Amino acid sequence: MPKLKTKKSAAKRFRISGSGKKIMRRKAFKNHLLERKSKERTRRRLSSIAVVHETDEKAVRTMMPYS
């Protein structure tokens, strides 16, 4: 059986937690058009790291087989 390749786009977007049970992601809407968004929104809410929802977790794990 050949080795499985990691999808590099997924490897750049997701990180596995220390325990290996959760997949962490960055929140959206913090790239551009930032001057109209409030500082509370950009600094506090969008800067925090989120956990990938359990319905999407299987798809992400198949893209990153060895993590």
N, C-alpha and C. Protein backbone atom coordinates (compact mmCIF):
# COMPACT_ATOMS: atom_id res chain seq x y z
N MET A 1 0.84 -1.18 0.00
CA MET A 1 0.00 0.00 0.00
C MET A 1 0.89 1.25 0.00
N PRO A 2 0.68 2.17 -0.92
CA PRO A 2 1.51 3.38 -0.95
C PRO A 2 1.14 4.33 0.19
N LYS A 3 2.09 5.22 0.46
CA LYS A 3 1.83 6.22 1.48
C LYS A 3 0.78 7.21 0.97
N LEU A 4 0.01 7.77 1.90
CA LEU A 4 -1.01 8.75 1.54
C LEU A 4 -0.39 10.14 1.58
N LYS A 5 -0.81 10.98 0.65
CA LYS A 5 -0.29 12.34 0.61
C LYS A 5 -1.20 13.27 1.42
N THR A 6 -0.57 14.22 2.08
CA THR A 6 -1.29 15.25 2.80
C THR A 6 -1.69 16.34 1.82
N LYS A 7 -2.93 16.80 1.90
CA LYS A 7 -3.36 17.96 1.12
C LYS A 7 -2.71 19.20 1.74
N LYS A 8 -1.83 19.84 0.98
CA LYS A 8 -1.06 20.95 1.52
C LYS A 8 -1.93 22.16 1.83
N SER A 9 -3.02 22.34 1.11
CA SER A 9 -3.92 23.46 1.41
C SER A 9 -4.55 23.27 2.79
N ALA A 10 -4.87 22.05 3.14
CA ALA A 10 -5.45 21.79 4.46
C ALA A 10 -4.39 21.91 5.55
N ALA A 11 -3.17 21.49 5.26
CA ALA A 11 -2.10 21.55 6.26
C ALA A 11 -1.77 22.99 6.63
N LYS A 12 -1.97 23.92 5.69
CA LYS A 12 -1.71 25.33 5.98
C LYS A 12 -2.84 25.97 6.76
N ARG A 13 -4.03 25.42 6.68
CA ARG A 13 -5.20 26.05 7.30
C ARG A 13 -5.57 25.47 8.66
N PHE A 14 -5.19 24.23 8.94
CA PHE A 14 -5.63 23.57 10.15
C PHE A 14 -4.44 23.11 10.98
N ARG A 15 -4.64 23.07 12.30
CA ARG A 15 -3.65 22.55 13.24
C ARG A 15 -4.36 21.56 14.15
N ILE A 16 -3.63 20.53 14.55
CA ILE A 16 -4.17 19.56 15.48
C ILE A 16 -3.80 19.99 16.90
N SER A 17 -4.72 19.85 17.84
CA SER A 17 -4.44 20.24 19.22
C SER A 17 -3.42 19.29 19.82
N GLY A 18 -2.93 19.62 20.98
CA GLY A 18 -1.91 18.81 21.62
C GLY A 18 -2.36 17.40 21.94
N SER A 19 -3.62 17.27 22.33
CA SER A 19 -4.15 15.94 22.63
C SER A 19 -4.45 15.14 21.37
N GLY A 20 -4.57 15.83 20.23
CA GLY A 20 -4.87 15.15 18.97
C GLY A 20 -6.35 14.92 18.75
N LYS A 21 -7.19 15.40 19.66
CA LYS A 21 -8.62 15.15 19.55
C LYS A 21 -9.36 16.26 18.82
N LYS A 22 -8.81 17.48 18.85
CA LYS A 22 -9.48 18.62 18.22
C LYS A 22 -8.67 19.13 17.05
N ILE A 23 -9.37 19.74 16.11
CA ILE A 23 -8.73 20.40 14.98
C ILE A 23 -9.02 21.89 15.11
N MET A 24 -7.97 22.69 15.11
CA MET A 24 -8.12 24.13 15.29
C MET A 24 -8.06 24.83 13.94
N ARG A 25 -8.76 25.94 13.84
CA ARG A 25 -8.79 26.72 12.61
C ARG A 25 -8.77 28.21 12.95
N ARG A 26 -8.45 29.00 11.94
CA ARG A 26 -8.46 30.45 12.06
C ARG A 26 -9.84 30.95 11.65
N LYS A 27 -10.29 32.02 12.25
CA LYS A 27 -11.60 32.56 11.89
C LYS A 27 -11.54 33.38 10.61
N ALA A 28 -12.66 33.43 9.92
CA ALA A 28 -12.75 34.12 8.63
C ALA A 28 -12.99 35.62 8.83
N PHE A 29 -12.95 36.36 7.72
CA PHE A 29 -13.28 37.79 7.65
C PHE A 29 -12.26 38.70 8.31
N LYS A 30 -11.00 38.30 8.35
CA LYS A 30 -9.98 39.18 8.92
C LYS A 30 -8.87 39.46 7.92
N ASN A 31 -9.16 39.42 6.63
CA ASN A 31 -8.15 39.65 5.62
C ASN A 31 -8.16 41.08 5.08
N HIS A 32 -9.32 41.58 4.69
CA HIS A 32 -9.37 42.91 4.10
C HIS A 32 -10.71 43.55 4.45
N LEU A 33 -10.89 44.80 4.04
CA LEU A 33 -12.06 45.61 4.41
C LEU A 33 -12.17 45.73 5.93
N LEU A 34 -11.04 45.96 6.57
CA LEU A 34 -11.02 45.96 8.03
C LEU A 34 -11.38 47.30 8.65
N GLU A 35 -11.30 48.38 7.87
CA GLU A 35 -11.53 49.69 8.49
C GLU A 35 -12.99 49.91 8.85
N ARG A 36 -13.90 49.17 8.23
CA ARG A 36 -15.31 49.33 8.59
C ARG A 36 -15.74 48.38 9.70
N LYS A 37 -14.90 47.42 10.04
CA LYS A 37 -15.22 46.49 11.12
C LYS A 37 -14.70 47.05 12.43
N SER A 38 -15.48 46.86 13.48
CA SER A 38 -15.11 47.44 14.77
C SER A 38 -13.87 46.74 15.34
N LYS A 39 -13.18 47.45 16.22
CA LYS A 39 -11.98 46.90 16.82
C LYS A 39 -12.31 45.72 17.73
N GLU A 40 -13.45 45.80 18.37
CA GLU A 40 -13.86 44.67 19.22
C GLU A 40 -14.03 43.41 18.38
N ARG A 41 -14.60 43.59 17.21
CA ARG A 41 -14.83 42.45 16.32
C ARG A 41 -13.52 41.88 15.80
N THR A 42 -12.62 42.76 15.32
CA THR A 42 -11.39 42.26 14.71
C THR A 42 -10.40 41.76 15.76
N ARG A 43 -10.24 42.49 16.83
CA ARG A 43 -9.22 42.11 17.81
C ARG A 43 -9.66 40.98 18.70
N ARG A 44 -10.87 41.05 19.21
CA ARG A 44 -11.27 40.06 20.19
C ARG A 44 -11.91 38.83 19.55
N ARG A 45 -12.90 39.05 18.73
CA ARG A 45 -13.67 37.89 18.24
C ARG A 45 -12.98 37.18 17.09
N LEU A 46 -12.43 37.93 16.12
CA LEU A 46 -11.86 37.28 14.94
C LEU A 46 -10.43 36.82 15.14
N SER A 47 -9.74 37.30 16.17
CA SER A 47 -8.36 36.89 16.38
C SER A 47 -8.26 35.56 17.10
N SER A 48 -9.34 35.15 17.77
CA SER A 48 -9.27 33.91 18.53
C SER A 48 -9.31 32.71 17.59
N ILE A 49 -8.75 31.62 18.06
CA ILE A 49 -8.72 30.39 17.27
C ILE A 49 -9.96 29.58 17.60
N ALA A 50 -10.58 29.01 16.57
CA ALA A 50 -11.81 28.25 16.75
C ALA A 50 -11.54 26.77 16.55
N VAL A 51 -12.49 25.97 17.00
CA VAL A 51 -12.41 24.52 16.81
C VAL A 51 -13.28 24.16 15.62
N VAL A 52 -12.79 23.26 14.78
CA VAL A 52 -13.55 22.81 13.61
C VAL A 52 -14.78 22.05 14.10
N HIS A 53 -15.92 22.30 13.47
CA HIS A 53 -17.16 21.65 13.87
C HIS A 53 -17.07 20.15 13.64
N GLU A 54 -17.77 19.42 14.47
CA GLU A 54 -17.67 17.95 14.43
C GLU A 54 -18.17 17.34 13.12
N THR A 55 -19.06 18.01 12.41
CA THR A 55 -19.53 17.48 11.13
C THR A 55 -18.48 17.62 10.03
N ASP A 56 -17.57 18.58 10.16
CA ASP A 56 -16.51 18.78 9.18
C ASP A 56 -15.21 18.08 9.56
N GLU A 57 -15.16 17.54 10.75
CA GLU A 57 -13.90 17.00 11.26
C GLU A 57 -13.42 15.80 10.46
N LYS A 58 -14.31 14.95 10.03
CA LYS A 58 -13.92 13.75 9.28
C LYS A 58 -13.28 14.13 7.95
N ALA A 59 -13.82 15.13 7.28
CA ALA A 59 -13.28 15.57 5.99
C ALA A 59 -11.88 16.14 6.16
N VAL A 60 -11.66 16.89 7.23
CA VAL A 60 -10.34 17.48 7.45
C VAL A 60 -9.33 16.39 7.81
N ARG A 61 -9.73 15.41 8.58
CA ARG A 61 -8.80 14.34 8.96
C ARG A 61 -8.40 13.48 7.76
N THR A 62 -9.29 13.32 6.78
CA THR A 62 -8.91 12.56 5.60
C THR A 62 -7.92 13.34 4.74
N MET A 63 -7.97 14.67 4.79
CA MET A 63 -7.02 15.48 4.04
C MET A 63 -5.64 15.49 4.69
N MET A 64 -5.60 15.22 6.01
CA MET A 64 -4.34 15.22 6.75
C MET A 64 -4.19 13.86 7.44
N PRO A 65 -3.77 12.85 6.69
CA PRO A 65 -3.83 11.48 7.23
C PRO A 65 -2.85 11.18 8.36
N TYR A 66 -1.72 11.86 8.43
CA TYR A 66 -0.71 11.49 9.42
C TYR A 66 -0.62 12.46 10.59
N SER A 67 -1.65 13.26 10.79
CA SER A 67 -1.59 14.21 11.89
C SER A 67 -2.53 13.80 13.00
